Amino acid sequence: MGSTTEAHDKPHVLCIPYPAQGHINPMLQVAKLLHHKGFHISFVYTDFNHNRLIKSKGQQALDGLSDFRFYSIPDGLAPSDPDATQDIATLCKYTPVTCLAPFSNLISKLNDSLDLGVPPLTCIVSDATMSFTLKAAEKFGIPEILLWTASTCGLIAYMQYHQLVERGYTPLKVFEETNKPHVLCIPFPAQGHITPMLKLAKLLHHKGFHISFVNTEFNHNRLIKSRGPDALHGLPDFRFYTIPDGLPPSNPDATQDIPTLCKYTPINCLPPLINLISKLNDSSVSGVPPVSCIVFDGVMTFTLKAAEHFSIPGVIFWTASACGLIAYMQYRELVERGYIPLKADVPRNWDMRFAISIN
């Protein structure tokens, strides 16, 4: 009776990776970390990969601990060479169709196995490409977390792809204009933002773009003071411009107050930015091609209004980590669901309902 009660109290996570090595290994690492923290783990893969592992490592390869168990489900594909990798395109097509039923059956069995020392499922951790598991999670009322095993930048690209198609940016058009494409880059006026934007501008310039790089007058003057009057003399197709930030004069040797910048740049910088774009687009006077695109710091979202004003595509450039970007994107939802602010006390019989549920 005691062991049954102990099993019932332990949180139980079912982990199901996409059936390819680059997905199985990261999921297995997550499962090991969760097990180390006291979770009961059920690790699910396909019969094909199960048989390959047994053939390679022997019958004892998957004998886990009593609270770290392996299970397999069919992928529904025709038998194939066990020594060859399955066709990825075929897997992508058929796993959502063929795996849901056996996966649901497995969950039912696990939830009825308390007498065998297996606690009811608390949460599903699924590979993001195995999104059919969401239907099983909804059916059993179990929270689910999607694990993205590729890079965070790759995740953001996938998340934005449909929008790029809807806006006509993808597939890319063959460039037919005789003028050089002209990108206006405007960073947030702080070093940790200016430097990454400048690196991006240099890469675009190397690929044949005309670059207009916009600093605030405060940072322009600091650079001139530090490097001399010729510091910002760029190439004919890489030019520097300035706009006022609207803040009162401050010590040129000190960093400006960041909260103040965040508050006032959206208010003060939009009109001078619009005026600058108008001047640049008058090629007969400016001597440069019209602005083709604006690349702006993720903090400088007021520039979207300028992009809309001139019907110019705008690209937001996030200068911090991609993980940081996703955290910012999800923050509002975490607040709305009551997960943030974090609660002071976490109950012993934690059931992961505070985790990010994709249900």
Protein backbone atom coordinates (compact mmCIF):
# COMPACT_ATOMS: atom_id res chain seq x y z
CA MET A 1 0.00 0.00 0.00
CA GLY A 2 2.86 2.34 0.83
CA SER A 3 4.56 1.86 -2.54
CA THR A 4 1.27 2.49 -4.34
CA THR A 5 0.73 5.73 -2.45
CA GLU A 6 4.29 6.82 -3.17
CA ALA A 7 3.81 6.07 -6.88
CA HIS A 8 0.57 8.03 -6.93
CA ASP A 9 2.31 11.06 -5.43
CA LYS A 10 5.18 11.12 -7.93
CA PRO A 11 4.64 13.36 -11.01
CA HIS A 12 4.64 11.28 -14.19
CA VAL A 13 5.83 12.68 -17.52
CA LEU A 14 5.39 10.92 -20.84
CA CYS A 15 8.09 11.96 -23.34
CA ILE A 16 7.59 11.32 -27.05
CA PRO A 17 10.23 12.50 -29.53
CA TYR A 18 10.03 12.65 -33.30
CA PRO A 19 11.50 9.32 -34.52
CA ALA A 20 14.86 10.63 -35.74
CA GLN A 21 18.20 10.70 -33.93
CA GLY A 22 18.48 14.51 -33.83
CA HIS A 23 15.16 14.58 -31.98
CA ILE A 24 15.41 11.47 -29.80
CA ASN A 25 18.71 12.46 -28.16
CA PRO A 26 17.57 15.94 -26.93
CA MET A 27 14.29 14.48 -25.64
CA LEU A 28 16.20 11.76 -23.80
CA GLN A 29 18.37 14.43 -22.16
CA VAL A 30 15.25 16.29 -20.98
CA ALA A 31 13.79 13.03 -19.67
CA LYS A 32 16.98 12.32 -17.70
CA LEU A 33 16.91 15.81 -16.17
CA LEU A 34 13.27 15.42 -15.13
CA HIS A 35 13.99 11.97 -13.70
CA HIS A 36 16.86 13.43 -11.71
CA LYS A 37 14.35 15.91 -10.23
CA GLY A 38 12.08 13.12 -9.04
CA PHE A 39 9.73 12.54 -11.96
CA HIS A 40 8.50 9.15 -13.11
CA ILE A 41 9.37 8.93 -16.83
CA SER A 42 7.67 7.03 -19.64
CA PHE A 43 9.72 7.37 -22.83
CA VAL A 44 7.94 6.51 -26.06
CA TYR A 45 9.41 5.82 -29.46
CA THR A 46 8.45 3.84 -32.56
CA ASP A 47 8.72 0.08 -33.01
CA PHE A 48 11.22 0.71 -35.82
CA ASN A 49 13.64 2.58 -33.57
CA HIS A 50 13.02 0.13 -30.74
CA ASN A 51 14.07 -2.79 -32.95
CA ARG A 52 17.11 -0.92 -34.25
CA LEU A 53 18.31 -0.24 -30.73
CA ILE A 54 17.77 -3.83 -29.62
CA LYS A 55 19.69 -5.06 -32.66
CA SER A 56 22.54 -2.66 -31.95
CA LYS A 57 22.79 -2.83 -28.15
CA GLY A 58 21.13 -6.11 -27.21
CA GLN A 59 17.96 -7.08 -25.35
CA GLN A 60 19.02 -5.35 -22.13
CA ALA A 61 19.52 -1.96 -23.82
CA LEU A 62 16.16 -0.59 -22.73
CA ASP A 63 15.86 -2.10 -19.29
CA GLY A 64 15.39 1.11 -17.38
CA LEU A 65 14.83 1.88 -13.74
CA SER A 66 11.47 1.16 -12.13
CA ASP A 67 10.56 4.83 -12.58
CA PHE A 68 12.18 5.33 -16.01
CA ARG A 69 10.48 3.04 -18.52
CA PHE A 70 10.52 2.70 -22.28
CA TYR A 71 7.51 1.96 -24.49
CA SER A 72 7.05 1.67 -28.22
CA ILE A 73 4.19 2.35 -30.62
CA PRO A 74 3.89 1.53 -34.34
CA ASP A 75 4.52 4.27 -36.88
CA GLY A 76 2.23 2.63 -39.43
CA LEU A 77 4.84 2.62 -42.18
CA ALA A 78 5.64 -0.42 -44.29
CA PRO A 79 8.62 -2.50 -43.09
CA SER A 80 11.94 -1.03 -44.24
CA ASP A 81 15.65 -1.76 -44.01
CA PRO A 82 16.45 -1.74 -40.26
CA ASP A 83 19.98 -0.57 -41.03
CA ALA A 84 18.83 2.51 -42.96
CA THR A 85 17.27 5.75 -41.82
CA GLN A 86 13.57 6.00 -42.58
CA ASP A 87 12.46 8.51 -45.18
CA ILE A 88 11.88 11.76 -43.28
CA ALA A 89 9.26 13.11 -45.69
CA THR A 90 7.22 9.90 -45.34
CA LEU A 91 7.51 10.03 -41.55
CA CYS A 92 6.26 13.63 -41.53
CA LYS A 93 3.30 12.62 -43.65
CA TYR A 94 2.16 9.49 -41.83
CA THR A 95 3.05 9.83 -38.14
CA PRO A 96 0.19 12.32 -37.48
CA VAL A 97 -2.22 9.84 -39.10
CA THR A 98 -1.02 6.50 -37.77
CA CYS A 99 0.44 7.23 -34.32
CA LEU A 100 -2.46 8.94 -32.55
CA ALA A 101 -4.53 5.81 -31.91
CA PRO A 102 -1.73 3.65 -30.42
CA PHE A 103 -0.46 6.66 -28.48
CA SER A 104 -3.91 7.18 -26.92
CA ASN A 105 -4.13 3.47 -26.10
CA LEU A 106 -0.77 3.64 -24.35
CA ILE A 107 -1.92 6.58 -22.20
CA SER A 108 -5.03 4.63 -21.17
CA LYS A 109 -2.90 1.67 -20.10
CA LEU A 110 -0.46 3.86 -18.18
CA ASN A 111 -3.29 5.58 -16.32
CA ASP A 112 -4.62 2.16 -15.26
CA SER A 113 -1.25 0.85 -14.02
CA LEU A 114 -1.13 2.27 -10.51
CA ASP A 115 -1.04 -1.23 -9.05
CA LEU A 116 2.14 -1.83 -11.08
CA GLY A 117 3.88 1.17 -9.54
CA VAL A 118 3.09 3.58 -12.39
CA PRO A 119 1.42 6.85 -11.29
CA PRO A 120 -1.22 8.47 -13.51
CA LEU A 121 0.16 10.76 -16.19
CA THR A 122 0.76 14.32 -15.07
CA CYS A 123 2.08 15.86 -18.28
CA ILE A 124 3.11 15.05 -21.85
CA VAL A 125 6.35 16.44 -23.27
CA SER A 126 6.16 16.04 -27.03
CA ASP A 127 8.41 16.98 -29.89
CA ALA A 128 6.95 20.03 -31.61
CA THR A 129 6.73 18.13 -34.90
CA MET A 130 4.54 15.49 -33.22
CA SER A 131 1.68 17.92 -32.72
CA PHE A 132 -0.92 15.15 -33.07
CA THR A 133 -0.17 14.41 -29.41
CA LEU A 134 -2.12 17.57 -28.52
CA LYS A 135 -5.32 15.71 -29.41
CA ALA A 136 -4.44 12.95 -26.95
CA ALA A 137 -3.60 15.52 -24.28
CA GLU A 138 -6.99 17.19 -24.78
CA LYS A 139 -8.78 13.84 -24.71
CA PHE A 140 -7.30 12.90 -21.33
CA GLY A 141 -7.22 16.43 -19.89
CA ILE A 142 -3.44 16.34 -19.46
CA PRO A 143 -1.20 19.42 -19.82
CA GLU A 144 1.27 19.24 -22.70
CA ILE A 145 4.56 20.96 -23.38
CA LEU A 146 6.09 21.05 -26.86
CA LEU A 147 9.87 20.63 -26.98
CA TRP A 148 11.63 22.25 -29.93
CA THR A 149 14.85 20.31 -30.49
CA ALA A 150 16.38 22.57 -33.15
CA SER A 151 17.70 26.09 -32.55
CA THR A 152 15.54 28.84 -31.07
CA CYS A 153 16.17 30.94 -34.18
CA GLY A 154 14.76 28.07 -36.23
CA LEU A 155 11.64 28.02 -34.07
CA ILE A 156 11.07 31.74 -34.60
CA ALA A 157 11.51 31.28 -38.36
CA TYR A 158 8.90 28.50 -38.40
CA MET A 159 6.50 30.58 -36.31
CA GLN A 160 6.73 33.51 -38.74
CA TYR A 161 6.72 31.57 -42.02
CA HIS A 162 2.95 31.64 -42.60
CA GLN A 163 2.90 35.39 -42.07
CA LEU A 164 5.72 35.86 -44.58
CA VAL A 165 3.70 33.90 -47.15
CA GLU A 166 0.51 35.84 -46.40
CA ARG A 167 2.35 39.15 -46.84
CA GLY A 168 3.91 38.05 -50.11
CA TYR A 169 7.51 38.14 -48.87
CA THR A 170 7.93 34.40 -49.48
CA PRO A 171 8.74 32.93 -51.94
CA LEU A 172 11.36 35.57 -52.65
CA LYS A 173 10.87 37.56 -55.83
CA VAL A 174 13.55 37.89 -58.47
CA PHE A 175 15.01 41.36 -58.01
CA GLU A 176 14.42 43.29 -61.23
CA GLU A 177 15.09 46.90 -60.19
CA THR A 178 18.12 48.61 -61.64
CA ASN A 179 18.68 50.54 -58.40
CA LYS A 180 20.58 48.99 -55.53
CA PRO A 181 18.27 47.85 -52.68
CA HIS A 182 18.41 50.37 -49.85
CA VAL A 183 18.07 49.34 -46.21
CA LEU A 184 17.66 51.87 -43.42
CA CYS A 185 18.95 50.46 -40.10
CA ILE A 186 17.91 52.06 -36.82
CA PRO A 187 19.07 50.53 -33.53
CA PHE A 188 17.97 51.31 -30.00
CA PRO A 189 20.45 53.97 -28.79
CA ALA A 190 22.50 51.75 -26.46
CA GLN A 191 25.78 49.96 -27.16
CA GLY A 192 24.39 46.44 -26.75
CA HIS A 193 21.91 47.26 -29.52
CA ILE A 194 24.01 49.46 -31.81
CA THR A 195 26.85 46.96 -32.19
CA PRO A 196 24.70 43.99 -33.37
CA MET A 197 22.78 46.26 -35.76
CA LEU A 198 26.04 47.59 -37.19
CA LYS A 199 27.26 44.03 -37.76
CA LEU A 200 24.03 43.20 -39.59
CA ALA A 201 24.34 46.37 -41.67
CA LYS A 202 27.88 45.37 -42.67
CA LEU A 203 26.68 41.93 -43.75
CA LEU A 204 23.89 43.44 -45.86
CA HIS A 205 26.34 45.91 -47.37
CA HIS A 206 28.66 43.04 -48.25
CA LYS A 207 25.73 41.45 -50.12
CA GLY A 208 25.23 44.56 -52.24
CA PHE A 209 22.78 46.67 -50.25
CA HIS A 210 22.96 50.43 -49.89
CA ILE A 211 22.94 51.14 -46.14
CA SER A 212 21.65 54.14 -44.22
CA PHE A 213 22.54 53.75 -40.55
CA VAL A 214 20.66 56.02 -38.14
CA ASN A 215 22.07 57.06 -34.76
CA THR A 216 20.71 59.53 -32.23
CA GLU A 217 22.52 62.85 -32.05
CA PHE A 218 23.69 61.99 -28.53
CA ASN A 219 25.49 58.82 -29.67
CA HIS A 220 26.72 60.54 -32.82
CA ASN A 221 28.39 63.26 -30.75
CA ARG A 222 29.89 60.71 -28.35
CA LEU A 223 31.42 58.82 -31.25
CA ILE A 224 32.80 61.97 -32.83
CA LYS A 225 34.32 62.98 -29.50
CA SER A 226 35.88 59.56 -29.04
CA ARG A 227 37.06 58.77 -32.60
CA GLY A 228 37.36 62.14 -34.27
CA PRO A 229 35.32 63.99 -36.93
CA ASP A 230 36.06 61.37 -39.61
CA ALA A 231 34.78 58.43 -37.56
CA LEU A 232 31.47 58.21 -39.42
CA HIS A 233 32.66 58.93 -42.93
CA GLY A 234 31.39 55.77 -44.57
CA LEU A 235 31.50 54.50 -48.12
CA PRO A 236 29.27 56.14 -50.75
CA ASP A 237 26.77 53.31 -50.24
CA PHE A 238 27.16 53.05 -46.45
CA ARG A 239 26.12 56.32 -44.85
CA PHE A 240 25.40 57.49 -41.32
CA TYR A 241 22.57 59.82 -40.33
CA THR A 242 21.32 61.24 -37.05
CA ILE A 243 17.97 62.09 -35.52
CA PRO A 244 17.28 63.78 -32.15
CA ASP A 245 16.03 61.69 -29.24
CA GLY A 246 14.23 64.68 -27.73
CA LEU A 247 15.83 64.25 -24.32
CA PRO A 248 17.40 67.22 -22.51
CA PRO A 249 21.20 67.53 -22.82
CA SER A 250 23.12 65.18 -20.53
CA ASN A 251 26.70 64.31 -19.67
CA PRO A 252 28.29 63.16 -22.96
CA ASP A 253 30.63 60.88 -21.04
CA ALA A 254 27.81 59.02 -19.25
CA THR A 255 25.31 56.48 -20.50
CA GLN A 256 21.80 57.87 -20.90
CA ASP A 257 19.11 56.62 -18.54
CA ILE A 258 17.64 53.52 -20.20
CA PRO A 259 14.08 53.76 -18.74
CA THR A 260 13.91 57.37 -19.91
CA LEU A 261 15.06 56.36 -23.40
CA CYS A 262 12.44 53.60 -23.52
CA LYS A 263 9.74 56.08 -22.50
CA TYR A 264 10.58 58.99 -24.79
CA THR A 265 12.09 57.56 -28.00
CA PRO A 266 8.66 56.36 -29.25
CA ILE A 267 7.33 59.88 -28.70
CA ASN A 268 10.25 61.99 -29.89
CA CYS A 269 11.91 60.03 -32.68
CA LEU A 270 9.04 59.27 -35.05
CA PRO A 271 8.66 62.73 -36.72
CA PRO A 272 12.42 63.18 -37.40
CA LEU A 273 12.63 59.61 -38.71
CA ILE A 274 9.76 60.27 -41.14
CA ASN A 275 11.47 63.47 -42.27
CA LEU A 276 14.72 61.59 -42.85
CA ILE A 277 13.02 58.91 -44.95
CA SER A 278 11.29 61.60 -47.03
CA LYS A 279 14.66 63.19 -47.78
CA LEU A 280 16.28 59.86 -48.64
CA ASN A 281 13.43 58.91 -50.98
CA ASP A 282 13.96 62.10 -52.99
CA SER A 283 16.79 60.55 -54.98
CA SER A 284 17.32 63.65 -57.11
CA VAL A 285 18.42 65.49 -53.97
CA SER A 286 19.79 62.72 -51.73
CA GLY A 287 21.73 60.92 -54.45
CA VAL A 288 20.75 57.54 -53.02
CA PRO A 289 18.15 54.97 -54.10
CA PRO A 290 14.73 55.07 -52.39
CA VAL A 291 14.49 53.15 -49.14
CA SER A 292 13.49 49.53 -49.87
CA CYS A 293 13.22 48.27 -46.32
CA ILE A 294 13.61 49.39 -42.70
CA VAL A 295 15.45 47.14 -40.24
CA PHE A 296 14.78 48.36 -36.73
CA ASP A 297 15.51 47.24 -33.21
CA GLY A 298 12.75 45.25 -31.52
CA VAL A 299 12.54 47.99 -28.89
CA MET A 300 12.00 50.72 -31.52
CA THR A 301 8.56 49.56 -32.63
CA PHE A 302 7.40 53.12 -33.34
CA THR A 303 9.30 52.78 -36.63
CA LEU A 304 6.47 50.52 -37.83
CA LYS A 305 4.36 53.66 -38.19
CA ALA A 306 7.01 55.17 -40.44
CA ALA A 307 7.17 51.96 -42.49
CA GLU A 308 3.38 51.99 -42.89
CA HIS A 309 3.43 55.70 -43.74
CA PHE A 310 5.74 55.06 -46.72
CA SER A 311 4.47 51.51 -47.49
CA ILE A 312 7.96 50.14 -46.89
CA PRO A 313 8.51 46.63 -45.48
CA GLY A 314 9.76 46.71 -41.89
CA VAL A 315 11.88 43.98 -40.30
CA ILE A 316 12.26 43.81 -36.52
CA PHE A 317 15.77 42.86 -35.40
CA TRP A 318 16.06 41.40 -31.91
CA THR A 319 19.58 42.01 -30.60
CA ALA A 320 19.33 39.82 -27.49
CA SER A 321 19.11 36.02 -27.54
CA ALA A 322 16.42 34.18 -29.47
CA CYS A 323 15.35 32.50 -26.22
CA GLY A 324 14.89 35.96 -24.73
CA LEU A 325 12.66 36.93 -27.64
CA ILE A 326 10.39 33.93 -27.15
CA ALA A 327 10.20 34.69 -23.42
CA TYR A 328 9.06 38.24 -24.20
CA MET A 329 6.53 36.99 -26.74
CA GLN A 330 4.99 34.57 -24.22
CA TYR A 331 5.07 36.85 -21.18
CA ARG A 332 1.60 38.34 -21.64
CA GLU A 333 0.04 34.91 -21.99
CA LEU A 334 1.81 33.69 -18.84
CA VAL A 335 0.35 36.64 -16.94
CA GLU A 336 -3.15 36.03 -18.36
CA ARG A 337 -3.00 32.36 -17.33
CA GLY A 338 -1.87 33.25 -13.83
CA TYR A 339 1.55 31.59 -14.05
CA ILE A 340 3.26 34.95 -13.49
CA PRO A 341 4.04 36.37 -11.02
CA LEU A 342 5.44 33.08 -9.68
CA LYS A 343 3.82 31.82 -6.52
CA ALA A 344 5.93 31.73 -3.37
CA ASP A 345 5.11 28.15 -2.43
CA VAL A 346 5.28 25.13 -4.74
CA PRO A 347 3.31 22.15 -3.37
CA ARG A 348 5.14 18.89 -2.79
CA ASN A 349 2.80 16.95 -5.05
CA TRP A 350 3.56 19.28 -7.92
CA ASP A 351 1.47 18.41 -10.95
CA MET A 352 3.10 20.80 -13.45
CA ARG A 353 -0.09 22.80 -13.99
CA PHE A 354 2.03 25.91 -13.63
CA ALA A 355 4.09 24.90 -16.69
CA ILE A 356 3.40 26.32 -20.12
CA SER A 357 0.48 24.25 -21.38
CA ILE A 358 -0.09 24.16 -25.09
CA ASN A 359 -3.60 22.77 -24.68
